[in-house]
Amino acid sequence: MHGQTATRFPGPLPDPNIRESTLEGLDAAAHKGNHGGRPPVITDDMLHTVLRRRGNGETV
């Protein structure tokens, strides 16, 4: 690109209502029962098993 001028075009303009749009999307998902986030590492079933095994004297 010696001697040439590179023209850079900006990407799409940011949505000025991005916060409101995000909150609306989260609200719509919550109404469907989707609350996002990571699933728990220890499920209720796993906790029950660990507590039972500890109660039986097993190492966990």
PDB file of N, CA and C in Angstrom:
ATOM      1  N   MET A   1       0.826  -1.193   0.000  1.00  0.00           N
ATOM      2  CA  MET A   1       0.000   0.000   0.000  1.00  0.00           C
ATOM      3  C   MET A   1       0.867   1.251   0.000  1.00  0.00           C
ATOM      4  N   HIS A   2       1.982   1.172  -0.639  1.00  0.00           N
ATOM      5  CA  HIS A   2       2.842   2.345  -0.692  1.00  0.00           C
ATOM      6  C   HIS A   2       2.233   3.381  -1.626  1.00  0.00           C
ATOM      7  N   GLY A   3       2.086   4.582  -1.125  1.00  0.00           N
ATOM      8  CA  GLY A   3       1.561   5.651  -1.948  1.00  0.00           C
ATOM      9  C   GLY A   3       0.052   5.636  -2.099  1.00  0.00           C
ATOM     10  N   GLN A   4      -0.626   4.710  -1.413  1.00  0.00           N
ATOM     11  CA  GLN A   4      -2.081   4.652  -1.502  1.00  0.00           C
ATOM     12  C   GLN A   4      -2.673   5.069  -0.159  1.00  0.00           C
ATOM     13  N   THR A   5      -3.840   5.622  -0.231  1.00  0.00           N
ATOM     14  CA  THR A   5      -4.532   6.022   0.988  1.00  0.00           C
ATOM     15  C   THR A   5      -5.630   5.017   1.274  1.00  0.00           C
ATOM     16  N   ALA A   6      -5.605   4.501   2.464  1.00  0.00           N
ATOM     17  CA  ALA A   6      -6.644   3.543   2.856  1.00  0.00           C
ATOM     18  C   ALA A   6      -7.782   4.313   3.510  1.00  0.00           C
ATOM     19  N   THR A   7      -8.973   4.038   3.067  1.00  0.00           N
ATOM     20  CA  THR A   7     -10.153   4.660   3.650  1.00  0.00           C
ATOM     21  C   THR A   7     -10.841   3.632   4.537  1.00  0.00           C
ATOM     22  N   ARG A   8     -11.069   4.018   5.765  1.00  0.00           N
ATOM     23  CA  ARG A   8     -11.729   3.107   6.696  1.00  0.00           C
ATOM     24  C   ARG A   8     -13.160   3.575   6.895  1.00  0.00           C
ATOM     25  N   PHE A   9     -14.076   2.650   6.728  1.00  0.00           N
ATOM     26  CA  PHE A   9     -15.477   2.953   6.947  1.00  0.00           C
ATOM     27  C   PHE A   9     -15.878   2.393   8.299  1.00  0.00           C
ATOM     28  N   PRO A  10     -16.561   3.186   9.085  1.00  0.00           N
ATOM     29  CA  PRO A  10     -16.988   2.679  10.387  1.00  0.00           C
ATOM     30  C   PRO A  10     -18.050   1.594  10.207  1.00  0.00           C
ATOM     31  N   GLY A  11     -18.138   0.744  11.187  1.00  0.00           N
ATOM     32  CA  GLY A  11     -19.158  -0.307  11.161  1.00  0.00           C
ATOM     33  C   GLY A  11     -20.523   0.296  11.427  1.00  0.00           C
ATOM     34  N   PRO A  12     -21.489  -0.550  11.665  1.00  0.00           N
ATOM     35  CA  PRO A  12     -22.829  -0.038  11.933  1.00  0.00           C
ATOM     36  C   PRO A  12     -22.825   0.834  13.199  1.00  0.00           C
ATOM     37  N   LEU A  13     -23.665   1.825  13.177  1.00  0.00           N
ATOM     38  CA  LEU A  13     -23.743   2.719  14.326  1.00  0.00           C
ATOM     39  C   LEU A  13     -24.387   1.983  15.500  1.00  0.00           C
ATOM     40  N   PRO A  14     -23.914   2.249  16.720  1.00  0.00           N
ATOM     41  CA  PRO A  14     -24.503   1.570  17.879  1.00  0.00           C
ATOM     42  C   PRO A  14     -25.952   1.995  18.088  1.00  0.00           C
ATOM     43  N   ASP A  15     -26.740   1.059  18.563  1.00  0.00           N
ATOM     44  CA  ASP A  15     -28.149   1.334  18.832  1.00  0.00           C
ATOM     45  C   ASP A  15     -28.240   2.265  20.040  1.00  0.00           C
ATOM     46  N   PRO A  16     -28.853   3.433  19.900  1.00  0.00           N
ATOM     47  CA  PRO A  16     -28.934   4.355  21.050  1.00  0.00           C
ATOM     48  C   PRO A  16     -29.816   3.803  22.178  1.00  0.00           C
ATOM     49  N   ASN A  17     -30.654   2.829  21.878  1.00  0.00           N
ATOM     50  CA  ASN A  17     -31.539   2.277  22.901  1.00  0.00           C
ATOM     51  C   ASN A  17     -31.102   0.870  23.307  1.00  0.00           C
ATOM     52  N   ILE A  18     -29.791   0.607  23.273  1.00  0.00           N
ATOM     53  CA  ILE A  18     -29.319  -0.753  23.501  1.00  0.00           C
ATOM     54  C   ILE A  18     -29.674  -1.241  24.905  1.00  0.00           C
ATOM     55  N   ARG A  19     -29.616  -0.358  25.884  1.00  0.00           N
ATOM     56  CA  ARG A  19     -29.942  -0.758  27.257  1.00  0.00           C
ATOM     57  C   ARG A  19     -31.401  -1.186  27.359  1.00  0.00           C
ATOM     58  N   GLU A  20     -32.280  -0.383  26.795  1.00  0.00           N
ATOM     59  CA  GLU A  20     -33.700  -0.694  26.848  1.00  0.00           C
ATOM     60  C   GLU A  20     -34.005  -1.978  26.070  1.00  0.00           C
ATOM     61  N   SER A  21     -33.362  -2.138  24.911  1.00  0.00           N
ATOM     62  CA  SER A  21     -33.581  -3.336  24.102  1.00  0.00           C
ATOM     63  C   SER A  21     -33.112  -4.582  24.850  1.00  0.00           C
ATOM     64  N   THR A  22     -31.972  -4.471  25.531  1.00  0.00           N
ATOM     65  CA  THR A  22     -31.445  -5.599  26.296  1.00  0.00           C
ATOM     66  C   THR A  22     -32.399  -5.967  27.422  1.00  0.00           C
ATOM     67  N   LEU A  23     -32.873  -4.969  28.156  1.00  0.00           N
ATOM     68  CA  LEU A  23     -33.791  -5.230  29.265  1.00  0.00           C
ATOM     69  C   LEU A  23     -35.103  -5.836  28.764  1.00  0.00           C
ATOM     70  N   GLU A  24     -35.596  -5.375  27.633  1.00  0.00           N
ATOM     71  CA  GLU A  24     -36.817  -5.946  27.056  1.00  0.00           C
ATOM     72  C   GLU A  24     -36.597  -7.419  26.687  1.00  0.00           C
ATOM     73  N   GLY A  25     -35.440  -7.723  26.109  1.00  0.00           N
ATOM     74  CA  GLY A  25     -35.133  -9.098  25.735  1.00  0.00           C
ATOM     75  C   GLY A  25     -35.008 -10.000  26.956  1.00  0.00           C
ATOM     76  N   LEU A  26     -34.359  -9.511  28.013  1.00  0.00           N
ATOM     77  CA  LEU A  26     -34.230 -10.291  29.244  1.00  0.00           C
ATOM     78  C   LEU A  26     -35.590 -10.518  29.889  1.00  0.00           C
ATOM     79  N   ASP A  27     -36.438  -9.510  29.847  1.00  0.00           N
ATOM     80  CA  ASP A  27     -37.778  -9.637  30.413  1.00  0.00           C
ATOM     81  C   ASP A  27     -38.604 -10.661  29.627  1.00  0.00           C
ATOM     82  N   ALA A  28     -38.510 -10.606  28.304  1.00  0.00           N
ATOM     83  CA  ALA A  28     -39.242 -11.565  27.469  1.00  0.00           C
ATOM     84  C   ALA A  28     -38.750 -12.986  27.746  1.00  0.00           C
ATOM     85  N   ALA A  29     -37.444 -13.161  27.894  1.00  0.00           N
ATOM     86  CA  ALA A  29     -36.894 -14.492  28.182  1.00  0.00           C
ATOM     87  C   ALA A  29     -37.350 -14.978  29.551  1.00  0.00           C
ATOM     88  N   ALA A  30     -37.393 -14.079  30.531  1.00  0.00           N
ATOM     89  CA  ALA A  30     -37.817 -14.460  31.879  1.00  0.00           C
ATOM     90  C   ALA A  30     -39.273 -14.915  31.878  1.00  0.00           C
ATOM     91  N   HIS A  31     -40.100 -14.280  31.069  1.00  0.00           N
ATOM     92  CA  HIS A  31     -41.505 -14.696  30.979  1.00  0.00           C
ATOM     93  C   HIS A  31     -41.633 -16.103  30.396  1.00  0.00           C
ATOM     94  N   LYS A  32     -40.636 -16.498  29.591  1.00  0.00           N
ATOM     95  CA  LYS A  32     -40.639 -17.845  29.024  1.00  0.00           C
ATOM     96  C   LYS A  32     -39.973 -18.858  29.970  1.00  0.00           C
ATOM     97  N   GLY A  33     -39.445 -18.364  31.090  1.00  0.00           N
ATOM     98  CA  GLY A  33     -38.792 -19.247  32.051  1.00  0.00           C
ATOM     99  C   GLY A  33     -37.289 -19.337  31.880  1.00  0.00           C
ATOM    100  N   ASN A  34     -36.722 -18.547  30.997  1.00  0.00           N
ATOM    101  CA  ASN A  34     -35.268 -18.542  30.774  1.00  0.00           C
ATOM    102  C   ASN A  34     -34.666 -17.368  31.539  1.00  0.00           C
ATOM    103  N   HIS A  35     -33.815 -17.680  32.513  1.00  0.00           N
ATOM    104  CA  HIS A  35     -33.237 -16.620  33.335  1.00  0.00           C
ATOM    105  C   HIS A  35     -31.751 -16.439  33.083  1.00  0.00           C
ATOM    106  N   GLY A  36     -31.186 -17.224  32.182  1.00  0.00           N
ATOM    107  CA  GLY A  36     -29.789 -17.064  31.810  1.00  0.00           C
ATOM    108  C   GLY A  36     -28.840 -17.469  32.921  1.00  0.00           C
ATOM    109  N   GLY A  37     -27.591 -17.184  32.711  1.00  0.00           N
ATOM    110  CA  GLY A  37     -26.573 -17.526  33.682  1.00  0.00           C
ATOM    111  C   GLY A  37     -26.071 -18.947  33.496  1.00  0.00           C
ATOM    112  N   ARG A  38     -25.032 -19.244  34.249  1.00  0.00           N
ATOM    113  CA  ARG A  38     -24.454 -20.573  34.170  1.00  0.00           C
ATOM    114  C   ARG A  38     -25.251 -21.540  35.028  1.00  0.00           C
ATOM    115  N   PRO A  39     -25.296 -22.798  34.639  1.00  0.00           N
ATOM    116  CA  PRO A  39     -25.974 -23.779  35.485  1.00  0.00           C
ATOM    117  C   PRO A  39     -25.166 -24.011  36.758  1.00  0.00           C
ATOM    118  N   PRO A  40     -25.823 -24.424  37.835  1.00  0.00           N
ATOM    119  CA  PRO A  40     -25.086 -24.656  39.077  1.00  0.00           C
ATOM    120  C   PRO A  40     -24.087 -25.795  38.911  1.00  0.00           C
ATOM    121  N   VAL A  41     -22.963 -25.674  39.594  1.00  0.00           N
ATOM    122  CA  VAL A  41     -21.942 -26.711  39.525  1.00  0.00           C
ATOM    123  C   VAL A  41     -22.400 -27.933  40.316  1.00  0.00           C
ATOM    124  N   ILE A  42     -22.936 -27.688  41.497  1.00  0.00           N
ATOM    125  CA  ILE A  42     -23.440 -28.760  42.351  1.00  0.00           C
ATOM    126  C   ILE A  42     -24.967 -28.744  42.262  1.00  0.00           C
ATOM    127  N   THR A  43     -25.526 -29.787  41.679  1.00  0.00           N
ATOM    128  CA  THR A  43     -26.976 -29.874  41.577  1.00  0.00           C
ATOM    129  C   THR A  43     -27.539 -30.390  42.899  1.00  0.00           C
ATOM    130  N   ASP A  44     -28.835 -30.289  43.067  1.00  0.00           N
ATOM    131  CA  ASP A  44     -29.477 -30.788  44.285  1.00  0.00           C
ATOM    132  C   ASP A  44     -29.246 -32.289  44.443  1.00  0.00           C
ATOM    133  N   ASP A  45     -29.270 -33.023  43.338  1.00  0.00           N
ATOM    134  CA  ASP A  45     -29.050 -34.464  43.378  1.00  0.00           C
ATOM    135  C   ASP A  45     -27.627 -34.786  43.848  1.00  0.00           C
ATOM    136  N   MET A  46     -26.655 -34.033  43.326  1.00  0.00           N
ATOM    137  CA  MET A  46     -25.270 -34.249  43.726  1.00  0.00           C
ATOM    138  C   MET A  46     -25.084 -33.936  45.209  1.00  0.00           C
ATOM    139  N   LEU A  47     -25.689 -32.843  45.682  1.00  0.00           N
ATOM    140  CA  LEU A  47     -25.573 -32.471  47.087  1.00  0.00           C
ATOM    141  C   LEU A  47     -26.172 -33.548  47.980  1.00  0.00           C
ATOM    142  N   HIS A  48     -27.320 -34.062  47.594  1.00  0.00           N
ATOM    143  CA  HIS A  48     -27.975 -35.117  48.363  1.00  0.00           C
ATOM    144  C   HIS A  48     -27.068 -36.347  48.458  1.00  0.00           C
ATOM    145  N   THR A  49     -26.458 -36.725  47.343  1.00  0.00           N
ATOM    146  CA  THR A  49     -25.570 -37.888  47.315  1.00  0.00           C
ATOM    147  C   THR A  49     -24.353 -37.671  48.203  1.00  0.00           C
ATOM    148  N   VAL A  50     -23.747 -36.502  48.132  1.00  0.00           N
ATOM    149  CA  VAL A  50     -22.564 -36.197  48.943  1.00  0.00           C
ATOM    150  C   VAL A  50     -22.912 -36.236  50.427  1.00  0.00           C
ATOM    151  N   LEU A  51     -24.013 -35.611  50.806  1.00  0.00           N
ATOM    152  CA  LEU A  51     -24.395 -35.590  52.219  1.00  0.00           C
ATOM    153  C   LEU A  51     -24.718 -36.995  52.725  1.00  0.00           C
ATOM    154  N   ARG A  52     -25.363 -37.798  51.890  1.00  0.00           N
ATOM    155  CA  ARG A  52     -25.674 -39.175  52.283  1.00  0.00           C
ATOM    156  C   ARG A  52     -24.398 -39.976  52.484  1.00  0.00           C
ATOM    157  N   ARG A  53     -23.453 -39.833  51.545  1.00  0.00           N
ATOM    158  CA  ARG A  53     -22.205 -40.585  51.639  1.00  0.00           C
ATOM    159  C   ARG A  53     -21.381 -40.121  52.839  1.00  0.00           C
ATOM    160  N   ARG A  54     -21.364 -38.833  53.112  1.00  0.00           N
ATOM    161  CA  ARG A  54     -20.647 -38.349  54.296  1.00  0.00           C
ATOM    162  C   ARG A  54     -21.284 -38.888  55.561  1.00  0.00           C
ATOM    163  N   GLY A  55     -22.611 -38.948  55.571  1.00  0.00           N
ATOM    164  CA  GLY A  55     -23.325 -39.482  56.725  1.00  0.00           C
ATOM    165  C   GLY A  55     -23.031 -40.953  56.967  1.00  0.00           C
ATOM    166  N   ASN A  56     -22.697 -41.671  55.884  1.00  0.00           N
ATOM    167  CA  ASN A  56     -22.342 -43.081  55.985  1.00  0.00           C
ATOM    168  C   ASN A  56     -20.860 -43.297  56.305  1.00  0.00           C
ATOM    169  N   GLY A  57     -20.125 -42.197  56.485  1.00  0.00           N
ATOM    170  CA  GLY A  57     -18.706 -42.301  56.831  1.00  0.00           C
ATOM    171  C   GLY A  57     -17.784 -42.448  55.645  1.00  0.00           C
ATOM    172  N   GLU A  58     -18.300 -42.315  54.420  1.00  0.00           N
ATOM    173  CA  GLU A  58     -17.447 -42.423  53.237  1.00  0.00           C
ATOM    174  C   GLU A  58     -16.693 -41.113  53.031  1.00  0.00           C
ATOM    175  N   THR A  59     -15.509 -41.198  52.405  1.00  0.00           N
ATOM    176  CA  THR A  59     -14.801 -39.978  52.047  1.00  0.00           C
ATOM    177  C   THR A  59     -15.407 -39.434  50.765  1.00  0.00           C
ATOM    178  N   VAL A  60     -15.416 -38.143  50.699  1.00  0.00           N
ATOM    179  CA  VAL A  60     -16.035 -37.488  49.536  1.00  0.00           C
ATOM    180  C   VAL A  60     -14.992 -36.666  48.827  1.00  0.00           C
TER     181      VAL A  60
END
